[in-house]
N, C-alpha and C. Protein backbone atom coordinates (compact mmCIF):
# COMPACT_ATOMS: atom_id res chain seq x y z
N MET A 1 88.35 48.97 -175.12
CA MET A 1 88.88 48.38 -174.11
C MET A 1 90.29 48.21 -174.10
N LYS A 2 91.06 48.60 -173.25
CA LYS A 2 92.53 48.66 -173.08
C LYS A 2 92.85 47.41 -172.16
N GLU A 3 94.10 47.18 -172.35
CA GLU A 3 94.74 45.94 -171.75
C GLU A 3 95.81 46.39 -170.64
N PHE A 4 95.87 45.73 -169.51
CA PHE A 4 96.52 46.12 -168.35
C PHE A 4 97.23 44.95 -167.73
N LEU A 5 98.39 45.21 -167.45
CA LEU A 5 99.47 44.20 -166.79
C LEU A 5 99.32 44.26 -165.41
N LEU A 6 99.10 43.18 -164.64
CA LEU A 6 98.93 43.49 -163.24
C LEU A 6 100.19 42.70 -162.79
N VAL A 7 101.04 43.22 -161.95
CA VAL A 7 102.32 42.87 -161.39
C VAL A 7 102.17 42.57 -159.77
N PHE A 8 102.21 41.37 -159.40
CA PHE A 8 102.12 41.12 -158.10
C PHE A 8 103.40 41.22 -157.45
N ARG A 9 103.55 41.88 -156.28
CA ARG A 9 104.81 42.15 -155.66
C ARG A 9 104.71 41.57 -154.23
N ALA A 10 105.60 41.20 -153.86
CA ALA A 10 105.63 40.81 -152.27
C ALA A 10 107.13 40.49 -151.77
N ASP A 11 107.27 40.47 -150.53
CA ASP A 11 108.60 39.97 -150.18
C ASP A 11 108.69 38.63 -149.57
N TYR A 12 109.27 37.68 -150.68
CA TYR A 12 109.28 36.31 -150.45
C TYR A 12 109.78 35.91 -148.99
N LYS A 13 110.67 36.77 -148.39
CA LYS A 13 111.26 36.31 -146.87
C LYS A 13 110.15 36.52 -145.74
N SER A 14 109.11 37.59 -146.21
CA SER A 14 108.18 37.50 -145.03
C SER A 14 106.78 36.86 -145.43
N MET A 15 106.80 36.17 -146.49
CA MET A 15 105.59 35.48 -146.64
C MET A 15 105.60 34.27 -145.53
N PRO A 16 104.26 34.07 -145.01
CA PRO A 16 104.02 33.18 -143.94
C PRO A 16 104.46 31.81 -144.51
N LYS A 17 104.96 31.05 -143.68
CA LYS A 17 104.92 29.49 -143.91
C LYS A 17 103.75 28.88 -143.54
N THR A 18 103.09 28.09 -144.63
CA THR A 18 101.94 27.63 -144.50
C THR A 18 101.77 25.92 -144.73
N SER A 19 100.83 25.52 -144.10
CA SER A 19 100.48 24.11 -144.02
C SER A 19 100.12 23.88 -145.42
N PRO A 20 100.14 22.62 -145.86
CA PRO A 20 99.30 22.18 -147.37
C PRO A 20 97.95 22.78 -147.38
N GLU A 21 97.09 22.55 -146.28
CA GLU A 21 95.70 22.98 -146.38
C GLU A 21 95.68 24.46 -146.52
N GLN A 22 96.55 24.98 -145.79
CA GLN A 22 96.56 26.72 -145.99
C GLN A 22 96.75 26.98 -147.44
N MET A 23 97.88 26.38 -148.01
CA MET A 23 98.30 26.50 -149.36
C MET A 23 97.21 26.43 -150.35
N GLN A 24 96.25 25.27 -150.18
CA GLN A 24 95.23 25.01 -150.91
C GLN A 24 94.25 26.07 -150.81
N ALA A 25 94.00 26.72 -149.56
CA ALA A 25 92.80 27.51 -149.26
C ALA A 25 93.56 28.87 -149.97
N ASN A 26 94.69 29.26 -149.84
CA ASN A 26 95.35 30.34 -150.64
C ASN A 26 95.14 30.21 -152.09
N THR A 27 95.55 29.12 -152.66
CA THR A 27 95.18 28.84 -154.29
C THR A 27 93.90 29.15 -154.55
N GLN A 28 92.94 28.69 -153.67
CA GLN A 28 91.36 28.64 -153.92
C GLN A 28 91.12 30.21 -154.04
N LYS A 29 91.62 31.12 -153.21
CA LYS A 29 91.29 32.47 -153.17
C LYS A 29 91.80 33.05 -154.36
N TRP A 30 92.92 32.67 -155.02
CA TRP A 30 93.50 33.26 -156.20
C TRP A 30 92.47 32.87 -157.27
N MET A 31 92.23 31.43 -157.18
CA MET A 31 91.14 31.21 -158.35
C MET A 31 90.06 31.78 -158.37
N ASN A 32 89.42 31.85 -157.21
CA ASN A 32 88.25 32.57 -157.04
C ASN A 32 88.29 33.99 -157.70
N TRP A 33 89.45 34.76 -157.06
CA TRP A 33 89.51 36.29 -157.66
C TRP A 33 89.60 36.11 -159.10
N ILE A 34 90.51 35.34 -159.73
CA ILE A 34 90.70 35.40 -161.16
C ILE A 34 89.36 34.88 -161.75
N ALA A 35 88.52 34.03 -161.26
CA ALA A 35 87.25 33.77 -161.84
C ALA A 35 86.37 34.92 -161.86
N GLY A 36 86.34 35.55 -160.78
CA GLY A 36 85.52 36.77 -160.66
C GLY A 36 85.73 37.90 -161.78
N ILE A 37 87.03 38.00 -162.08
CA ILE A 37 87.28 38.78 -163.27
C ILE A 37 87.08 38.19 -164.60
N ALA A 38 87.18 36.84 -164.76
CA ALA A 38 86.87 36.26 -166.05
C ALA A 38 85.31 36.29 -166.22
N ALA A 39 84.57 36.09 -165.00
CA ALA A 39 83.17 36.06 -165.16
C ALA A 39 82.52 37.57 -165.63
N GLN A 40 83.42 38.55 -165.66
CA GLN A 40 83.13 39.83 -166.07
C GLN A 40 83.68 40.10 -167.46
N ASN A 41 84.13 39.18 -168.07
CA ASN A 41 84.92 39.08 -169.58
C ASN A 41 85.87 40.12 -169.57
N LYS A 42 86.76 40.15 -168.44
CA LYS A 42 87.80 41.02 -168.43
C LYS A 42 89.20 40.47 -168.27
N LEU A 43 89.36 38.98 -168.30
CA LEU A 43 90.44 38.40 -168.16
C LEU A 43 91.12 38.12 -169.62
N ALA A 44 92.29 38.61 -169.78
CA ALA A 44 93.02 38.75 -171.09
C ALA A 44 93.93 37.27 -171.06
N ASP A 45 94.66 37.21 -169.93
CA ASP A 45 95.71 36.05 -169.72
C ASP A 45 95.91 35.93 -168.20
N ARG A 46 95.49 34.62 -167.61
CA ARG A 46 95.56 34.30 -166.30
C ARG A 46 96.91 34.48 -165.96
N GLY A 47 98.01 34.58 -166.63
CA GLY A 47 99.47 34.57 -166.11
C GLY A 47 99.72 33.68 -165.53
N ASN A 48 100.90 33.60 -164.52
CA ASN A 48 101.46 32.67 -163.89
C ASN A 48 102.09 33.26 -162.70
N ARG A 49 102.64 32.27 -161.67
CA ARG A 49 103.55 32.79 -160.59
C ARG A 49 105.07 32.60 -161.23
N LEU A 50 106.00 33.22 -160.64
CA LEU A 50 107.24 33.30 -160.90
C LEU A 50 108.03 32.80 -159.91
N GLU A 51 109.25 32.22 -160.45
CA GLU A 51 110.28 31.73 -159.49
C GLU A 51 110.80 32.86 -158.60
N SER A 52 111.27 32.61 -157.55
CA SER A 52 112.10 33.80 -156.83
C SER A 52 113.45 33.91 -157.21
N THR A 53 114.06 33.14 -158.09
CA THR A 53 115.49 33.37 -158.62
C THR A 53 115.37 33.68 -160.11
N GLY A 54 116.43 34.16 -160.74
CA GLY A 54 116.45 34.62 -162.14
C GLY A 54 117.81 35.03 -162.26
N GLN A 55 118.03 35.73 -163.49
CA GLN A 55 119.25 36.38 -163.85
C GLN A 55 119.09 37.74 -164.36
N VAL A 56 119.85 38.57 -164.36
CA VAL A 56 119.80 39.93 -164.82
C VAL A 56 120.73 40.19 -166.04
N VAL A 57 120.44 40.50 -167.12
CA VAL A 57 121.55 40.80 -168.32
C VAL A 57 121.54 42.34 -168.34
N LYS A 58 122.81 42.82 -168.26
CA LYS A 58 123.05 44.25 -168.16
C LYS A 58 123.54 44.74 -169.58
N SER A 59 123.55 46.10 -169.89
CA SER A 59 123.90 46.48 -171.01
C SER A 59 125.40 46.19 -171.54
N ASP A 60 126.13 46.02 -170.45
CA ASP A 60 127.57 45.58 -170.71
C ASP A 60 127.83 44.25 -170.91
N GLY A 61 126.93 43.45 -170.91
CA GLY A 61 126.97 42.08 -171.26
C GLY A 61 127.14 41.07 -170.10
N VAL A 62 127.05 41.69 -168.84
CA VAL A 62 127.29 41.05 -167.57
C VAL A 62 126.02 40.25 -167.38
N ILE A 63 126.24 39.24 -166.88
CA ILE A 63 124.93 38.48 -166.60
C ILE A 63 125.19 38.04 -165.05
N SER A 64 124.16 38.51 -164.33
CA SER A 64 124.40 38.24 -162.69
C SER A 64 123.04 37.47 -162.19
N ASP A 65 123.33 36.88 -161.01
CA ASP A 65 122.00 36.41 -160.43
C ASP A 65 121.05 37.57 -160.04
N GLY A 66 119.73 37.12 -160.09
CA GLY A 66 118.72 38.19 -159.74
C GLY A 66 117.57 37.55 -159.11
N PRO A 67 116.53 38.13 -158.80
CA PRO A 67 116.66 39.66 -158.72
C PRO A 67 117.29 40.24 -157.69
N TYR A 68 117.44 41.57 -157.75
CA TYR A 68 118.54 42.25 -156.93
C TYR A 68 117.99 41.98 -155.42
N ALA A 69 119.26 41.59 -154.60
CA ALA A 69 119.08 41.20 -153.14
C ALA A 69 118.56 42.63 -152.39
N GLU A 70 119.00 43.76 -152.84
CA GLU A 70 118.70 44.70 -151.96
C GLU A 70 117.47 45.19 -152.22
N ILE A 71 116.62 44.70 -153.07
CA ILE A 71 115.12 45.18 -153.42
C ILE A 71 114.33 44.09 -152.44
N LYS A 72 113.63 44.72 -151.62
CA LYS A 72 112.82 43.81 -150.66
C LYS A 72 111.67 43.19 -151.27
N GLU A 73 110.94 44.02 -152.12
CA GLU A 73 109.80 43.20 -152.91
C GLU A 73 110.28 42.72 -154.07
N SER A 74 109.68 41.46 -154.44
CA SER A 74 110.05 40.65 -155.56
C SER A 74 108.63 40.50 -156.42
N ILE A 75 108.94 40.46 -157.73
CA ILE A 75 107.77 40.29 -158.64
C ILE A 75 107.32 38.71 -158.36
N MET A 76 106.25 38.47 -158.10
CA MET A 76 105.80 37.12 -157.72
C MET A 76 105.05 36.35 -158.85
N GLY A 77 104.31 37.24 -159.68
CA GLY A 77 103.64 36.76 -160.68
C GLY A 77 102.87 37.94 -161.60
N TYR A 78 102.24 37.64 -162.55
CA TYR A 78 101.44 38.47 -163.25
C TYR A 78 100.16 38.30 -163.95
N THR A 79 99.35 39.09 -164.24
CA THR A 79 98.03 38.58 -165.24
C THR A 79 97.88 39.64 -165.90
N LEU A 80 97.01 39.49 -167.05
CA LEU A 80 96.78 40.31 -168.12
C LEU A 80 95.22 40.52 -167.92
N ILE A 81 94.71 41.72 -167.92
CA ILE A 81 93.19 42.13 -168.01
C ILE A 81 92.99 43.02 -168.76
N ASN A 82 91.62 43.15 -169.40
CA ASN A 82 90.95 44.11 -169.99
C ASN A 82 90.00 45.19 -169.18
N ALA A 83 90.33 46.39 -169.33
CA ALA A 83 89.44 47.34 -168.72
C ALA A 83 89.36 48.66 -169.55
N GLU A 84 88.11 49.46 -169.14
CA GLU A 84 88.00 50.57 -169.77
C GLU A 84 89.03 51.57 -169.43
N SER A 85 89.42 51.68 -168.17
CA SER A 85 90.35 52.85 -167.68
C SER A 85 91.36 52.22 -166.71
N ILE A 86 92.27 52.82 -166.33
CA ILE A 86 93.34 52.20 -165.34
C ILE A 86 92.73 52.37 -163.95
N GLU A 87 91.56 53.26 -163.75
CA GLU A 87 90.89 53.24 -162.41
C GLU A 87 90.10 51.97 -162.42
N GLU A 88 89.36 51.56 -163.30
CA GLU A 88 88.72 50.21 -163.45
C GLU A 88 89.58 49.03 -163.01
N ALA A 89 90.77 49.13 -163.86
CA ALA A 89 91.82 48.14 -163.65
C ALA A 89 92.15 47.86 -162.21
N ALA A 90 92.35 49.18 -161.61
CA ALA A 90 92.86 48.97 -160.20
C ALA A 90 91.78 48.70 -159.28
N ALA A 91 90.71 49.05 -159.48
CA ALA A 91 89.53 48.73 -158.73
C ALA A 91 89.28 47.28 -158.78
N LEU A 92 89.60 46.52 -159.82
CA LEU A 92 89.58 45.00 -159.92
C LEU A 92 90.69 44.36 -159.05
N CYS A 93 91.56 45.13 -158.49
CA CYS A 93 92.60 44.49 -157.77
C CYS A 93 92.42 44.64 -156.26
N LYS A 94 91.26 45.44 -155.88
CA LYS A 94 91.25 45.66 -154.46
C LYS A 94 90.86 44.47 -153.73
N ASP A 95 90.37 43.25 -154.28
CA ASP A 95 90.37 41.74 -153.52
C ASP A 95 91.37 40.86 -153.92
N CYS A 96 92.42 41.59 -154.58
CA CYS A 96 93.48 40.48 -154.77
C CYS A 96 94.14 39.73 -153.59
N PRO A 97 94.36 38.57 -153.64
CA PRO A 97 94.71 37.91 -152.50
C PRO A 97 96.13 38.12 -151.86
N ILE A 98 96.99 38.76 -152.88
CA ILE A 98 98.49 39.14 -152.36
C ILE A 98 98.34 40.23 -151.47
N LEU A 99 97.35 41.08 -151.32
CA LEU A 99 97.21 41.98 -150.26
C LEU A 99 96.94 41.31 -148.94
N LEU A 100 96.42 40.24 -148.90
CA LEU A 100 96.28 39.48 -147.29
C LEU A 100 97.61 39.34 -146.99
N PHE A 101 98.83 39.31 -147.75
CA PHE A 101 100.18 39.07 -147.19
C PHE A 101 101.03 40.24 -147.35
N GLY A 102 100.43 41.23 -147.46
CA GLY A 102 101.40 42.57 -147.46
C GLY A 102 101.84 42.82 -148.57
N GLY A 103 101.36 42.33 -149.70
CA GLY A 103 101.90 42.47 -151.11
C GLY A 103 101.27 43.69 -151.69
N ASN A 104 101.56 44.03 -152.88
CA ASN A 104 100.82 45.03 -153.73
C ASN A 104 100.70 44.47 -155.01
N VAL A 105 99.86 45.27 -155.69
CA VAL A 105 99.78 44.84 -157.31
C VAL A 105 100.01 46.34 -158.14
N GLU A 106 100.75 46.18 -158.96
CA GLU A 106 101.18 47.24 -159.84
C GLU A 106 100.26 47.15 -161.00
N VAL A 107 99.76 48.15 -161.41
CA VAL A 107 98.81 48.29 -162.49
C VAL A 107 99.29 48.94 -163.59
N ARG A 108 99.59 48.48 -164.79
CA ARG A 108 100.14 49.09 -165.78
C ARG A 108 99.32 48.91 -167.25
N GLU A 109 99.14 49.95 -167.83
CA GLU A 109 98.57 50.00 -169.32
C GLU A 109 99.42 49.45 -170.18
N ILE A 110 99.21 48.53 -171.05
CA ILE A 110 99.87 47.99 -172.03
C ILE A 110 99.92 48.93 -173.25
N SER A 111 101.06 49.48 -173.75
CA SER A 111 100.95 50.38 -174.97
C SER A 111 101.10 49.63 -176.14
N LYS A 112 100.30 49.56 -177.17
CA LYS A 112 100.24 48.91 -178.38
C LYS A 112 101.30 49.74 -179.33
N LEU A 113 102.33 48.97 -179.81
CA LEU A 113 103.26 49.50 -180.85
C LEU A 113 102.52 49.64 -182.17
């Protein structure tokens, strides 16, 4: 079994404003999706959401605010899963709730050192 990183990307600015009830319903969709992966014994780490702000450390030692403003999509969170292949890992993402908001999931195999 291989380990894969799922990177959830979306445009923070285009995310719909939601009521507390809608936020709770969206959270429940995420919990159900993650629970489905866990039920298949393929969840390695649930991961977490990321804040929209951060800093970027460059090779010349300069530290600036990030993520880059010119990039429309931001990394919103991540999850680690186990799968036999990248195709299986990608198939597990077809029902990811981020897709309902125009976002996407980047699937990357983790290379062990």
